[in-house]
Amino acid sequence: KIQKSELLDFDIDPRANLHLDTTKIAFHKERVKAW
């Protein structure tokens, strides 16, 4: 039903501005090195 609607956009990147499916540990290299 929803695929027949105009609501869907399969070309959009849902993670373009916010990524909830990852770890950000690489942005804390100084802390990781100390550990």
PDB file of all heavy atoms in Angstrom:
ATOM      1  N   LYS A   1       0.817  -1.209   0.000  1.00  0.00           N
ATOM      2  CA  LYS A   1       0.000   0.000   0.000  1.00  0.00           C
ATOM      3  C   LYS A   1       0.853   1.262   0.000  1.00  0.00           C
ATOM      4  O   LYS A   1       0.611   2.186  -0.776  1.00  0.00           O
ATOM      5  CB  LYS A   1      -0.935  -0.001   1.214  1.00  0.00           C
ATOM      6  CG  LYS A   1      -1.896   1.179   1.255  1.00  0.00           C
ATOM      7  CD  LYS A   1      -2.824   1.077   2.460  1.00  0.00           C
ATOM      8  CE  LYS A   1      -3.775   2.274   2.510  1.00  0.00           C
ATOM      9  NZ  LYS A   1      -4.690   2.193   3.682  1.00  0.00           N
ATOM     10  N   ILE A   2       1.872   1.315   0.880  1.00  0.00           N
ATOM     11  CA  ILE A   2       2.659   2.545   0.998  1.00  0.00           C
ATOM     12  C   ILE A   2       3.575   2.744  -0.209  1.00  0.00           C
ATOM     13  O   ILE A   2       3.907   3.870  -0.570  1.00  0.00           O
ATOM     14  CB  ILE A   2       3.444   2.578   2.315  1.00  0.00           C
ATOM     15  CG1 ILE A   2       3.802   4.035   2.665  1.00  0.00           C
ATOM     16  CG2 ILE A   2       4.715   1.692   2.251  1.00  0.00           C
ATOM     17  CD1 ILE A   2       4.217   4.235   4.082  1.00  0.00           C
ATOM     18  N   GLN A   3       3.952   1.647  -0.879  1.00  0.00           N
ATOM     19  CA  GLN A   3       4.771   1.774  -2.078  1.00  0.00           C
ATOM     20  C   GLN A   3       3.999   2.404  -3.236  1.00  0.00           C
ATOM     21  O   GLN A   3       4.606   2.909  -4.188  1.00  0.00           O
ATOM     22  CB  GLN A   3       5.342   0.411  -2.471  1.00  0.00           C
ATOM     23  CG  GLN A   3       6.477  -0.051  -1.558  1.00  0.00           C
ATOM     24  CD  GLN A   3       7.037  -1.395  -1.928  1.00  0.00           C
ATOM     25  OE1 GLN A   3       6.437  -2.157  -2.692  1.00  0.00           O
ATOM     26  NE2 GLN A   3       8.213  -1.744  -1.388  1.00  0.00           N
ATOM     27  N   LYS A   4       2.681   2.381  -3.151  1.00  0.00           N
ATOM     28  CA  LYS A   4       1.844   3.012  -4.170  1.00  0.00           C
ATOM     29  C   LYS A   4       1.589   4.485  -3.865  1.00  0.00           C
ATOM     30  O   LYS A   4       1.021   5.210  -4.678  1.00  0.00           O
ATOM     31  CB  LYS A   4       0.504   2.277  -4.278  1.00  0.00           C
ATOM     32  CG  LYS A   4       0.635   0.832  -4.768  1.00  0.00           C
ATOM     33  CD  LYS A   4      -0.683   0.093  -4.679  1.00  0.00           C
ATOM     34  CE  LYS A   4      -0.521  -1.385  -5.090  1.00  0.00           C
ATOM     35  NZ  LYS A   4      -1.762  -2.168  -4.890  1.00  0.00           N
ATOM     36  N   SER A   5       2.013   4.922  -2.670  1.00  0.00           N
ATOM     37  CA  SER A   5       1.810   6.308  -2.277  1.00  0.00           C
ATOM     38  C   SER A   5       2.968   7.169  -2.764  1.00  0.00           C
ATOM     39  O   SER A   5       3.921   6.694  -3.373  1.00  0.00           O
ATOM     40  CB  SER A   5       1.693   6.426  -0.752  1.00  0.00           C
ATOM     41  OG  SER A   5       2.969   6.256  -0.136  1.00  0.00           O
ATOM     42  N   GLU A   6       2.917   8.442  -2.459  1.00  0.00           N
ATOM     43  CA  GLU A   6       3.986   9.363  -2.833  1.00  0.00           C
ATOM     44  C   GLU A   6       4.871   9.710  -1.642  1.00  0.00           C
ATOM     45  O   GLU A   6       5.661  10.653  -1.687  1.00  0.00           O
ATOM     46  CB  GLU A   6       3.385  10.645  -3.425  1.00  0.00           C
ATOM     47  CG  GLU A   6       2.603  10.418  -4.723  1.00  0.00           C
ATOM     48  CD  GLU A   6       2.039  11.691  -5.297  1.00  0.00           C
ATOM     49  OE1 GLU A   6       2.166  12.749  -4.629  1.00  0.00           O
ATOM     50  OE2 GLU A   6       1.474  11.646  -6.412  1.00  0.00           O
ATOM     51  N   LEU A   7       4.770   8.927  -0.556  1.00  0.00           N
ATOM     52  CA  LEU A   7       5.500   9.238   0.662  1.00  0.00           C
ATOM     53  C   LEU A   7       6.939   8.751   0.640  1.00  0.00           C
ATOM     54  O   LEU A   7       7.790   9.280   1.352  1.00  0.00           O
ATOM     55  CB  LEU A   7       4.783   8.620   1.877  1.00  0.00           C
ATOM     56  CG  LEU A   7       3.401   9.200   2.222  1.00  0.00           C
ATOM     57  CD1 LEU A   7       2.746   8.382   3.342  1.00  0.00           C
ATOM     58  CD2 LEU A   7       3.534  10.655   2.644  1.00  0.00           C
ATOM     59  N   LEU A   8       7.239   7.736  -0.154  1.00  0.00           N
ATOM     60  CA  LEU A   8       8.540   7.091  -0.103  1.00  0.00           C
ATOM     61  C   LEU A   8       9.560   7.760  -1.014  1.00  0.00           C
ATOM     62  O   LEU A   8       9.250   8.210  -2.111  1.00  0.00           O
ATOM     63  CB  LEU A   8       8.425   5.614  -0.476  1.00  0.00           C
ATOM     64  CG  LEU A   8       7.488   4.748   0.377  1.00  0.00           C
ATOM     65  CD1 LEU A   8       7.574   3.293  -0.064  1.00  0.00           C
ATOM     66  CD2 LEU A   8       7.810   4.870   1.864  1.00  0.00           C
ATOM     67  N   ASP A   9      10.799   7.799  -0.526  1.00  0.00           N
ATOM     68  CA  ASP A   9      11.925   8.287  -1.316  1.00  0.00           C
ATOM     69  C   ASP A   9      13.105   7.350  -1.049  1.00  0.00           C
ATOM     70  O   ASP A   9      13.823   7.491  -0.063  1.00  0.00           O
ATOM     71  CB  ASP A   9      12.279   9.723  -0.944  1.00  0.00           C
ATOM     72  CG  ASP A   9      13.393  10.302  -1.804  1.00  0.00           C
ATOM     73  OD1 ASP A   9      13.984   9.540  -2.606  1.00  0.00           O
ATOM     74  OD2 ASP A   9      13.696  11.502  -1.673  1.00  0.00           O
ATOM     75  N   PHE A  10      13.330   6.377  -1.932  1.00  0.00           N
ATOM     76  CA  PHE A  10      14.392   5.398  -1.742  1.00  0.00           C
ATOM     77  C   PHE A  10      15.775   5.960  -2.058  1.00  0.00           C
ATOM     78  O   PHE A  10      16.788   5.306  -1.821  1.00  0.00           O
ATOM     79  CB  PHE A  10      14.127   4.147  -2.584  1.00  0.00           C
ATOM     80  CG  PHE A  10      13.027   3.276  -2.029  1.00  0.00           C
ATOM     81  CD1 PHE A  10      11.735   3.372  -2.507  1.00  0.00           C
ATOM     82  CD2 PHE A  10      13.293   2.373  -1.008  1.00  0.00           C
ATOM     83  CE1 PHE A  10      10.712   2.579  -1.988  1.00  0.00           C
ATOM     84  CE2 PHE A  10      12.278   1.569  -0.481  1.00  0.00           C
ATOM     85  CZ  PHE A  10      10.988   1.671  -0.979  1.00  0.00           C
ATOM     86  N   ASP A  11      15.822   7.160  -2.616  1.00  0.00           N
ATOM     87  CA  ASP A  11      17.107   7.785  -2.925  1.00  0.00           C
ATOM     88  C   ASP A  11      17.652   8.612  -1.764  1.00  0.00           C
ATOM     89  O   ASP A  11      18.827   9.008  -1.778  1.00  0.00           O
ATOM     90  CB  ASP A  11      16.982   8.683  -4.161  1.00  0.00           C
ATOM     91  CG  ASP A  11      16.697   7.878  -5.426  1.00  0.00           C
ATOM     92  OD1 ASP A  11      17.233   6.756  -5.539  1.00  0.00           O
ATOM     93  OD2 ASP A  11      15.925   8.368  -6.281  1.00  0.00           O
ATOM     94  N   ILE A  12      16.828   8.862  -0.761  1.00  0.00           N
ATOM     95  CA  ILE A  12      17.272   9.697   0.348  1.00  0.00           C
ATOM     96  C   ILE A  12      18.186   8.903   1.280  1.00  0.00           C
ATOM     97  O   ILE A  12      18.032   7.691   1.439  1.00  0.00           O
ATOM     98  CB  ILE A  12      16.065  10.268   1.127  1.00  0.00           C
ATOM     99  CG1 ILE A  12      16.498  11.455   1.988  1.00  0.00           C
ATOM    100  CG2 ILE A  12      15.406   9.189   2.019  1.00  0.00           C
ATOM    101  CD1 ILE A  12      15.328  12.321   2.421  1.00  0.00           C
ATOM    102  N   ASP A  13      19.151   9.581   1.869  1.00  0.00           N
ATOM    103  CA  ASP A  13      20.053   8.962   2.838  1.00  0.00           C
ATOM    104  C   ASP A  13      19.581   9.328   4.245  1.00  0.00           C
ATOM    105  O   ASP A  13      19.768  10.459   4.684  1.00  0.00           O
ATOM    106  CB  ASP A  13      21.485   9.450   2.631  1.00  0.00           C
ATOM    107  CG  ASP A  13      22.464   8.838   3.638  1.00  0.00           C
ATOM    108  OD1 ASP A  13      22.048   7.942   4.409  1.00  0.00           O
ATOM    109  OD2 ASP A  13      23.641   9.265   3.653  1.00  0.00           O
ATOM    110  N   PRO A  14      18.960   8.397   4.965  1.00  0.00           N
ATOM    111  CA  PRO A  14      18.450   8.738   6.303  1.00  0.00           C
ATOM    112  C   PRO A  14      19.549   9.074   7.297  1.00  0.00           C
ATOM    113  O   PRO A  14      19.275   9.634   8.359  1.00  0.00           O
ATOM    114  CB  PRO A  14      17.682   7.480   6.726  1.00  0.00           C
ATOM    115  CG  PRO A  14      18.249   6.370   5.916  1.00  0.00           C
ATOM    116  CD  PRO A  14      18.686   6.978   4.623  1.00  0.00           C
ATOM    117  N   ARG A  15      20.812   8.745   6.963  1.00  0.00           N
ATOM    118  CA  ARG A  15      21.945   8.976   7.858  1.00  0.00           C
ATOM    119  C   ARG A  15      22.783  10.177   7.457  1.00  0.00           C
ATOM    120  O   ARG A  15      23.893  10.362   7.967  1.00  0.00           O
ATOM    121  CB  ARG A  15      22.811   7.716   7.925  1.00  0.00           C
ATOM    122  CG  ARG A  15      22.097   6.554   8.583  1.00  0.00           C
ATOM    123  CD  ARG A  15      22.710   5.193   8.277  1.00  0.00           C
ATOM    124  NE  ARG A  15      21.939   4.153   8.950  1.00  0.00           N
ATOM    125  CZ  ARG A  15      20.829   3.619   8.452  1.00  0.00           C
ATOM    126  NH1 ARG A  15      20.377   4.038   7.277  1.00  0.00           N
ATOM    127  NH2 ARG A  15      20.148   2.694   9.110  1.00  0.00           N
ATOM    128  N   ALA A  16      22.249  10.989   6.557  1.00  0.00           N
ATOM    129  CA  ALA A  16      23.003  12.133   6.065  1.00  0.00           C
ATOM    130  C   ALA A  16      23.348  13.121   7.175  1.00  0.00           C
ATOM    131  O   ALA A  16      24.448  13.677   7.213  1.00  0.00           O
ATOM    132  CB  ALA A  16      22.216  12.848   4.963  1.00  0.00           C
ATOM    133  N   ASN A  17      22.414  13.344   8.096  1.00  0.00           N
ATOM    134  CA  ASN A  17      22.628  14.329   9.160  1.00  0.00           C
ATOM    135  C   ASN A  17      22.742  13.719  10.554  1.00  0.00           C
ATOM    136  O   ASN A  17      23.208  14.382  11.479  1.00  0.00           O
ATOM    137  CB  ASN A  17      21.474  15.348   9.162  1.00  0.00           C
ATOM    138  CG  ASN A  17      21.353  16.072   7.844  1.00  0.00           C
ATOM    139  OD1 ASN A  17      22.352  16.536   7.273  1.00  0.00           O
ATOM    140  ND2 ASN A  17      20.127  16.191   7.319  1.00  0.00           N
ATOM    141  N   LEU A  18      22.326  12.480  10.711  1.00  0.00           N
ATOM    142  CA  LEU A  18      22.316  11.842  12.024  1.00  0.00           C
ATOM    143  C   LEU A  18      22.514  10.350  11.837  1.00  0.00           C
ATOM    144  O   LEU A  18      21.749   9.699  11.138  1.00  0.00           O
ATOM    145  CB  LEU A  18      20.979  12.121  12.723  1.00  0.00           C
ATOM    146  CG  LEU A  18      20.759  11.513  14.108  1.00  0.00           C
ATOM    147  CD1 LEU A  18      21.711  12.139  15.120  1.00  0.00           C
ATOM    148  CD2 LEU A  18      19.319  11.715  14.561  1.00  0.00           C
ATOM    149  N   HIS A  19      23.562   9.817  12.447  1.00  0.00           N
ATOM    150  CA  HIS A  19      23.859   8.398  12.318  1.00  0.00           C
ATOM    151  C   HIS A  19      23.701   7.740  13.688  1.00  0.00           C
ATOM    152  O   HIS A  19      24.493   7.978  14.586  1.00  0.00           O
ATOM    153  CB  HIS A  19      25.273   8.188  11.779  1.00  0.00           C
ATOM    154  CG  HIS A  19      25.455   6.877  11.062  1.00  0.00           C
ATOM    155  ND1 HIS A  19      25.016   5.672  11.596  1.00  0.00           N
ATOM    156  CD2 HIS A  19      26.006   6.565   9.866  1.00  0.00           C
ATOM    157  CE1 HIS A  19      25.303   4.693  10.766  1.00  0.00           C
ATOM    158  NE2 HIS A  19      25.892   5.198   9.707  1.00  0.00           N
ATOM    159  N   LEU A  20      22.656   6.899  13.816  1.00  0.00           N
ATOM    160  CA  LEU A  20      22.335   6.261  15.082  1.00  0.00           C
ATOM    161  C   LEU A  20      22.796   4.808  15.146  1.00  0.00           C
ATOM    162  O   LEU A  20      22.514   4.110  16.106  1.00  0.00           O
ATOM    163  CB  LEU A  20      20.816   6.320  15.318  1.00  0.00           C
ATOM    164  CG  LEU A  20      20.194   7.720  15.301  1.00  0.00           C
ATOM    165  CD1 LEU A  20      18.672   7.637  15.294  1.00  0.00           C
ATOM    166  CD2 LEU A  20      20.675   8.527  16.489  1.00  0.00           C
ATOM    167  N   ASP A  21      23.496   4.376  14.131  1.00  0.00           N
ATOM    168  CA  ASP A  21      23.822   2.958  14.003  1.00  0.00           C
ATOM    169  C   ASP A  21      25.327   2.759  13.887  1.00  0.00           C
ATOM    170  O   ASP A  21      25.813   2.137  12.967  1.00  0.00           O
ATOM    171  CB  ASP A  21      23.119   2.391  12.763  1.00  0.00           C
ATOM    172  CG  ASP A  21      23.285   0.881  12.643  1.00  0.00           C
ATOM    173  OD1 ASP A  21      23.458   0.212  13.676  1.00  0.00           O
ATOM    174  OD2 ASP A  21      23.244   0.375  11.506  1.00  0.00           O
ATOM    175  N   THR A  22      26.045   3.296  14.823  1.00  0.00           N
ATOM    176  CA  THR A  22      27.495   3.200  14.761  1.00  0.00           C
ATOM    177  C   THR A  22      28.083   3.495  16.128  1.00  0.00           C
ATOM    178  O   THR A  22      27.362   3.871  17.046  1.00  0.00           O
ATOM    179  CB  THR A  22      28.066   4.188  13.721  1.00  0.00           C
ATOM    180  OG1 THR A  22      29.478   3.957  13.567  1.00  0.00           O
ATOM    181  CG2 THR A  22      27.854   5.628  14.150  1.00  0.00           C
ATOM    182  N   THR A  23      29.391   3.341  16.250  1.00  0.00           N
ATOM    183  CA  THR A  23      30.093   3.815  17.434  1.00  0.00           C
ATOM    184  C   THR A  23      30.977   4.993  17.033  1.00  0.00           C
ATOM    185  O   THR A  23      31.523   5.027  15.927  1.00  0.00           O
ATOM    186  CB  THR A  23      30.958   2.723  18.079  1.00  0.00           C
ATOM    187  OG1 THR A  23      31.762   3.305  19.126  1.00  0.00           O
ATOM    188  CG2 THR A  23      31.883   2.066  17.070  1.00  0.00           C
ATOM    189  N   LYS A  24      31.088   5.956  17.939  1.00  0.00           N
ATOM    190  CA  LYS A  24      31.886   7.151  17.674  1.00  0.00           C
ATOM    191  C   LYS A  24      33.245   7.071  18.371  1.00  0.00           C
ATOM    192  O   LYS A  24      33.905   8.087  18.570  1.00  0.00           O
ATOM    193  CB  LYS A  24      31.116   8.389  18.135  1.00  0.00           C
ATOM    194  CG  LYS A  24      29.723   8.475  17.521  1.00  0.00           C
ATOM    195  CD  LYS A  24      28.916   9.585  18.133  1.00  0.00           C
ATOM    196  CE  LYS A  24      27.460   9.513  17.725  1.00  0.00           C
ATOM    197  NZ  LYS A  24      26.732   8.429  18.444  1.00  0.00           N
ATOM    198  N   ILE A  25      33.678   5.854  18.720  1.00  0.00           N
ATOM    199  CA  ILE A  25      34.910   5.668  19.481  1.00  0.00           C
ATOM    200  C   ILE A  25      36.121   6.222  18.732  1.00  0.00           C
ATOM    201  O   ILE A  25      37.085   6.687  19.348  1.00  0.00           O
ATOM    202  CB  ILE A  25      35.096   4.169  19.831  1.00  0.00           C
ATOM    203  CG1 ILE A  25      36.207   3.968  20.870  1.00  0.00           C
ATOM    204  CG2 ILE A  25      35.364   3.334  18.587  1.00  0.00           C
ATOM    205  CD1 ILE A  25      35.852   4.450  22.230  1.00  0.00           C
ATOM    206  N   ALA A  26      36.101   6.214  17.391  1.00  0.00           N
ATOM    207  CA  ALA A  26      37.240   6.699  16.609  1.00  0.00           C
ATOM    208  C   ALA A  26      37.483   8.198  16.784  1.00  0.00           C
ATOM    209  O   ALA A  26      38.574   8.688  16.474  1.00  0.00           O
ATOM    210  CB  ALA A  26      37.046   6.377  15.130  1.00  0.00           C
ATOM    211  N   PHE A  27      36.479   8.922  17.257  1.00  0.00           N
ATOM    212  CA  PHE A  27      36.630  10.356  17.497  1.00  0.00           C
ATOM    213  C   PHE A  27      37.215  10.649  18.882  1.00  0.00           C
ATOM    214  O   PHE A  27      37.318  11.797  19.277  1.00  0.00           O
ATOM    215  CB  PHE A  27      35.282  11.066  17.332  1.00  0.00           C
ATOM    216  CG  PHE A  27      34.803  11.121  15.915  1.00  0.00           C
ATOM    217  CD1 PHE A  27      34.022  10.105  15.386  1.00  0.00           C
ATOM    218  CD2 PHE A  27      35.138  12.186  15.098  1.00  0.00           C
ATOM    219  CE1 PHE A  27      33.587  10.140  14.069  1.00  0.00           C
ATOM    220  CE2 PHE A  27      34.699  12.251  13.785  1.00  0.00           C
ATOM    221  CZ  PHE A  27      33.932  11.214  13.270  1.00  0.00           C
ATOM    222  N   HIS A  28      37.600   9.591  19.594  1.00  0.00           N
ATOM    223  CA  HIS A  28      38.169   9.735  20.936  1.00  0.00           C
ATOM    224  C   HIS A  28      39.517   9.015  21.024  1.00  0.00           C
ATOM    225  O   HIS A  28      39.797   8.299  21.986  1.00  0.00           O
ATOM    226  CB  HIS A  28      37.185   9.198  21.973  1.00  0.00           C
ATOM    227  CG  HIS A  28      35.871   9.918  21.986  1.00  0.00           C
ATOM    228  ND1 HIS A  28      35.664  11.044  22.732  1.00  0.00           N
ATOM    229  CD2 HIS A  28      34.710   9.679  21.317  1.00  0.00           C
ATOM    230  CE1 HIS A  28      34.420  11.463  22.535  1.00  0.00           C
ATOM    231  NE2 HIS A  28      33.826  10.656  21.679  1.00  0.00           N
ATOM    232  N   LYS A  29      40.353   9.236  20.016  1.00  0.00           N
ATOM    233  CA  LYS A  29      41.619   8.507  19.913  1.00  0.00           C
ATOM    234  C   LYS A  29      42.543   8.756  21.105  1.00  0.00           C
ATOM    235  O   LYS A  29      43.240   7.841  21.567  1.00  0.00           O
ATOM    236  CB  LYS A  29      42.341   8.881  18.620  1.00  0.00           C
ATOM    237  CG  LYS A  29      41.784   8.207  17.363  1.00  0.00           C
ATOM    238  CD  LYS A  29      42.718   8.447  16.183  1.00  0.00           C
ATOM    239  CE  LYS A  29      42.318   7.584  14.978  1.00  0.00           C
ATOM    240  NZ  LYS A  29      41.131   7.983  14.351  1.00  0.00           N
ATOM    241  N   GLU A  30      42.548   9.965  21.638  1.00  0.00           N
ATOM    242  CA  GLU A  30      43.442  10.264  22.752  1.00  0.00           C
ATOM    243  C   GLU A  30      43.073   9.429  23.969  1.00  0.00           C
ATOM    244  O   GLU A  30      43.949   8.871  24.638  1.00  0.00           O
ATOM    245  CB  GLU A  30      43.387  11.764  23.092  1.00  0.00           C
ATOM    246  CG  GLU A  30      44.558  12.231  23.959  1.00  0.00           C
ATOM    247  CD  GLU A  30      44.362  11.979  25.446  1.00  0.00           C
ATOM    248  OE1 GLU A  30      43.204  11.823  25.878  1.00  0.00           O
ATOM    249  OE2 GLU A  30      45.357  11.937  26.196  1.00  0.00           O
ATOM    250  N   ARG A  31      41.768   9.312  24.255  1.00  0.00           N
ATOM    251  CA  ARG A  31      41.312   8.515  25.387  1.00  0.00           C
ATOM    252  C   ARG A  31      41.604   7.025  25.151  1.00  0.00           C
ATOM    253  O   ARG A  31      42.027   6.317  26.065  1.00  0.00           O
ATOM    254  CB  ARG A  31      39.817   8.729  25.639  1.00  0.00           C
ATOM    255  CG  ARG A  31      39.243   8.088  26.896  1.00  0.00           C
ATOM    256  CD  ARG A  31      39.569   8.866  28.151  1.00  0.00           C
ATOM    257  NE  ARG A  31      39.111  10.217  28.127  1.00  0.00           N
ATOM    258  CZ  ARG A  31      37.984  10.674  28.681  1.00  0.00           C
ATOM    259  NH1 ARG A  31      37.215   9.886  29.362  1.00  0.00           N
ATOM    260  NH2 ARG A  31      37.656  11.957  28.621  1.00  0.00           N
ATOM    261  N   VAL A  32      41.370   6.566  23.922  1.00  0.00           N
ATOM    262  CA  VAL A  32      41.625   5.163  23.595  1.00  0.00           C
ATOM    263  C   VAL A  32      43.113   4.840  23.726  1.00  0.00           C
ATOM    264  O   VAL A  32      43.486   3.795  24.262  1.00  0.00           O
ATOM    265  CB  VAL A  32      41.116   4.833  22.175  1.00  0.00           C
ATOM    266  CG1 VAL A  32      41.528   3.414  21.771  1.00  0.00           C
ATOM    267  CG2 VAL A  32      39.596   4.972  22.102  1.00  0.00           C
ATOM    268  N   LYS A  33      43.966   5.737  23.252  1.00  0.00           N
ATOM    269  CA  LYS A  33      45.418   5.515  23.362  1.00  0.00           C
ATOM    270  C   LYS A  33      45.851   5.429  24.822  1.00  0.00           C
ATOM    271  O   LYS A  33      46.652   4.555  25.204  1.00  0.00           O
ATOM    272  CB  LYS A  33      46.193   6.627  22.664  1.00  0.00           C
ATOM    273  CG  LYS A  33      47.720   6.405  22.666  1.00  0.00           C
ATOM    274  CD  LYS A  33      48.449   7.523  21.965  1.00  0.00           C
ATOM    275  CE  LYS A  33      49.946   7.247  21.901  1.00  0.00           C
ATOM    276  NZ  LYS A  33      50.549   6.985  23.253  1.00  0.00           N
ATOM    277  N   ALA A  34      45.335   6.333  25.650  1.00  0.00           N
ATOM    278  CA  ALA A  34      45.686   6.312  27.072  1.00  0.00           C
ATOM    279  C   ALA A  34      45.253   4.989  27.706  1.00  0.00           C
ATOM    280  O   ALA A  34      45.998   4.389  28.496  1.00  0.00           O
ATOM    281  CB  ALA A  34      45.023   7.489  27.785  1.00  0.00           C
ATOM    282  N   TRP A  35      44.043   4.523  27.361  1.00  0.00           N
ATOM    283  CA  TRP A  35      43.561   3.224  27.861  1.00  0.00           C
ATOM    284  C   TRP A  35      44.454   2.072  27.374  1.00  0.00           C
ATOM    285  O   TRP A  35      44.835   1.199  28.156  1.00  0.00           O
ATOM    286  CB  TRP A  35      42.109   3.011  27.403  1.00  0.00           C
ATOM    287  CG  TRP A  35      41.641   1.603  27.505  1.00  0.00           C
ATOM    288  CD1 TRP A  35      41.248   0.946  28.639  1.00  0.00           C
ATOM    289  CD2 TRP A  35      41.522   0.658  26.436  1.00  0.00           C
ATOM    290  NE1 TRP A  35      40.893  -0.347  28.338  1.00  0.00           N
ATOM    291  CE2 TRP A  35      41.052  -0.551  26.989  1.00  0.00           C
ATOM    292  CE3 TRP A  35      41.762   0.719  25.070  1.00  0.00           C
ATOM    293  CZ2 TRP A  35      40.819  -1.686  26.224  1.00  0.00           C
ATOM    294  CZ3 TRP A  35      41.532  -0.404  24.302  1.00  0.00           C
ATOM    295  CH2 TRP A  35      41.068  -1.592  24.881  1.00  0.00           C
TER     296      TRP A  35
END
